[in-house]
């Protein structure tokens, strides 16, 4: 029984995967922000260019 508690204690103290999880969350946040920014800029550019084309036709 003592062996199980010792192994559980070691498992709880390990933080190997924590860095990987943090990098994954950071990458996901950057990807979401980039998609939102590109979508917003794309919509604005589309609107501006189509207005310019419509005025010159």
N, C-alpha and C. Protein backbone atom coordinates (compact mmCIF):
# COMPACT_ATOMS: atom_id res chain seq x y z
N UNK A 1 0.83 -1.19 0.00
CA UNK A 1 0.00 0.00 0.00
C UNK A 1 0.87 1.25 0.00
N UNK A 2 1.97 1.18 0.74
CA UNK A 2 2.89 2.32 0.80
C UNK A 2 3.47 2.61 -0.59
N UNK A 3 3.71 1.57 -1.36
CA UNK A 3 4.26 1.71 -2.71
C UNK A 3 3.32 2.52 -3.60
N UNK A 4 2.03 2.31 -3.48
CA UNK A 4 1.04 3.04 -4.29
C UNK A 4 1.07 4.52 -3.95
N UNK A 5 1.12 4.84 -2.65
CA UNK A 5 1.15 6.24 -2.24
C UNK A 5 2.44 6.93 -2.68
N UNK A 6 3.54 6.21 -2.66
CA UNK A 6 4.81 6.77 -3.10
C UNK A 6 4.76 7.10 -4.59
N UNK A 7 4.25 6.18 -5.37
CA UNK A 7 4.14 6.42 -6.82
C UNK A 7 3.16 7.55 -7.13
N UNK A 8 2.06 7.62 -6.40
CA UNK A 8 1.08 8.68 -6.61
C UNK A 8 1.69 10.04 -6.25
N UNK A 9 2.48 10.08 -5.20
CA UNK A 9 3.14 11.32 -4.81
C UNK A 9 4.13 11.79 -5.87
N UNK A 10 4.88 10.86 -6.43
CA UNK A 10 5.82 11.22 -7.51
C UNK A 10 5.07 11.73 -8.73
N UNK A 11 3.96 11.09 -9.05
CA UNK A 11 3.17 11.49 -10.21
C UNK A 11 2.62 12.91 -10.02
N UNK A 12 2.17 13.23 -8.83
CA UNK A 12 1.60 14.55 -8.57
C UNK A 12 2.67 15.64 -8.61
N UNK A 13 3.91 15.32 -8.27
CA UNK A 13 4.98 16.32 -8.25
C UNK A 13 5.58 16.55 -9.63
N UNK A 14 5.37 15.65 -10.57
CA UNK A 14 5.96 15.79 -11.90
C UNK A 14 5.27 16.91 -12.64
N UNK A 15 6.06 17.71 -13.33
CA UNK A 15 5.48 18.80 -14.11
C UNK A 15 6.03 18.79 -15.54
N UNK A 16 6.35 17.60 -16.05
CA UNK A 16 6.90 17.49 -17.40
C UNK A 16 5.90 17.96 -18.44
N UNK A 17 4.68 17.51 -18.35
CA UNK A 17 3.68 17.81 -19.36
C UNK A 17 3.10 19.21 -19.24
N UNK A 18 3.35 19.88 -18.15
CA UNK A 18 2.79 21.20 -17.94
C UNK A 18 3.30 22.19 -18.98
N UNK A 19 4.57 22.15 -19.30
CA UNK A 19 5.13 23.06 -20.29
C UNK A 19 4.52 22.83 -21.66
N UNK A 20 4.35 21.58 -22.02
CA UNK A 20 3.75 21.24 -23.31
C UNK A 20 2.31 21.76 -23.38
N UNK A 21 1.57 21.62 -22.32
CA UNK A 21 0.20 22.12 -22.28
C UNK A 21 0.17 23.64 -22.41
N UNK A 22 1.06 24.33 -21.73
CA UNK A 22 1.12 25.79 -21.82
C UNK A 22 1.47 26.24 -23.23
N UNK A 23 2.42 25.57 -23.87
CA UNK A 23 2.77 25.91 -25.25
C UNK A 23 1.60 25.65 -26.19
N UNK A 24 0.89 24.58 -25.96
CA UNK A 24 -0.28 24.26 -26.78
C UNK A 24 -1.37 25.31 -26.64
N UNK A 25 -1.64 25.73 -25.41
CA UNK A 25 -2.64 26.78 -25.19
C UNK A 25 -2.20 28.10 -25.81
N UNK A 26 -0.93 28.43 -25.70
CA UNK A 26 -0.42 29.66 -26.29
C UNK A 26 -0.52 29.62 -27.81
N UNK A 27 -0.18 28.49 -28.41
CA UNK A 27 -0.29 28.35 -29.86
C UNK A 27 -1.74 28.47 -30.31
N UNK A 28 -2.66 27.88 -29.56
CA UNK A 28 -4.08 27.98 -29.90
C UNK A 28 -4.57 29.42 -29.80
N UNK A 29 -4.14 30.14 -28.77
CA UNK A 29 -4.53 31.54 -28.61
C UNK A 29 -3.99 32.40 -29.76
N UNK A 30 -2.76 32.17 -30.14
CA UNK A 30 -2.17 32.92 -31.26
C UNK A 30 -2.90 32.59 -32.55
N UNK A 31 -3.24 31.33 -32.77
CA UNK A 31 -3.95 30.93 -33.99
C UNK A 31 -5.33 31.56 -34.05
N UNK A 32 -6.05 31.56 -32.95
CA UNK A 32 -7.39 32.17 -32.92
C UNK A 32 -7.30 33.66 -33.18
N UNK A 33 -6.33 34.33 -32.58
CA UNK A 33 -6.14 35.76 -32.79
C UNK A 33 -5.78 36.05 -34.24
N UNK A 34 -4.92 35.25 -34.82
CA UNK A 34 -4.51 35.46 -36.22
C UNK A 34 -5.69 35.26 -37.16
N UNK A 35 -6.49 34.24 -36.93
CA UNK A 35 -7.66 34.00 -37.79
C UNK A 35 -8.65 35.15 -37.67
N UNK A 36 -8.88 35.64 -36.47
CA UNK A 36 -9.80 36.76 -36.29
C UNK A 36 -9.26 38.02 -36.96
N UNK A 37 -7.96 38.29 -36.83
CA UNK A 37 -7.37 39.48 -37.45
C UNK A 37 -7.42 39.40 -38.97
N UNK A 38 -7.08 38.27 -39.52
CA UNK A 38 -7.10 38.11 -40.98
C UNK A 38 -8.53 38.22 -41.49
N UNK A 39 -9.48 37.65 -40.79
CA UNK A 39 -10.88 37.75 -41.19
C UNK A 39 -11.36 39.19 -41.17
N UNK A 40 -10.99 39.92 -40.13
CA UNK A 40 -11.41 41.31 -40.01
C UNK A 40 -10.77 42.18 -41.10
N UNK A 41 -9.49 42.02 -41.31
CA UNK A 41 -8.79 42.79 -42.34
C UNK A 41 -9.30 42.41 -43.72
N UNK A 42 -9.54 41.13 -43.94
CA UNK A 42 -10.06 40.68 -45.24
C UNK A 42 -11.42 41.27 -45.54
N UNK A 43 -12.29 41.31 -44.54
CA UNK A 43 -13.61 41.89 -44.73
C UNK A 43 -13.51 43.38 -45.03
N UNK A 44 -12.67 44.08 -44.32
CA UNK A 44 -12.49 45.52 -44.54
C UNK A 44 -11.91 45.79 -45.91
N UNK A 45 -10.91 45.04 -46.31
CA UNK A 45 -10.31 45.24 -47.62
C UNK A 45 -11.31 44.93 -48.73
N UNK A 46 -12.07 43.87 -48.57
CA UNK A 46 -13.07 43.50 -49.56
C UNK A 46 -14.10 44.63 -49.72
N UNK A 47 -14.55 45.16 -48.60
CA UNK A 47 -15.54 46.23 -48.64
C UNK A 47 -14.97 47.48 -49.31
N UNK A 48 -13.76 47.87 -48.94
CA UNK A 48 -13.13 49.08 -49.51
C UNK A 48 -12.88 48.90 -51.00
N UNK A 49 -12.33 47.76 -51.39
CA UNK A 49 -12.04 47.55 -52.81
C UNK A 49 -13.31 47.48 -53.64
N UNK A 50 -14.36 46.82 -53.13
CA UNK A 50 -15.59 46.74 -53.91
C UNK A 50 -16.26 48.10 -54.02
N UNK A 51 -16.15 48.93 -52.99
CA UNK A 51 -16.70 50.29 -53.08
C UNK A 51 -15.93 51.09 -54.12
N UNK A 52 -14.61 50.94 -54.17
CA UNK A 52 -13.79 51.63 -55.13
C UNK A 52 -14.14 51.18 -56.56
N UNK A 53 -14.31 49.88 -56.73
CA UNK A 53 -14.66 49.35 -58.05
C UNK A 53 -16.06 49.83 -58.46
N UNK A 54 -16.99 49.80 -57.51
CA UNK A 54 -18.36 50.21 -57.81
C UNK A 54 -18.43 51.69 -58.18
N UNK A 55 -17.60 52.51 -57.58
CA UNK A 55 -17.61 53.94 -57.89
C UNK A 55 -17.01 54.20 -59.28
N UNK A 56 -16.08 53.40 -59.71
CA UNK A 56 -15.40 53.63 -60.98
C UNK A 56 -16.09 52.94 -62.16
N UNK A 57 -17.10 52.16 -61.91
CA UNK A 57 -17.79 51.46 -63.01
C UNK A 57 -18.90 52.30 -63.53
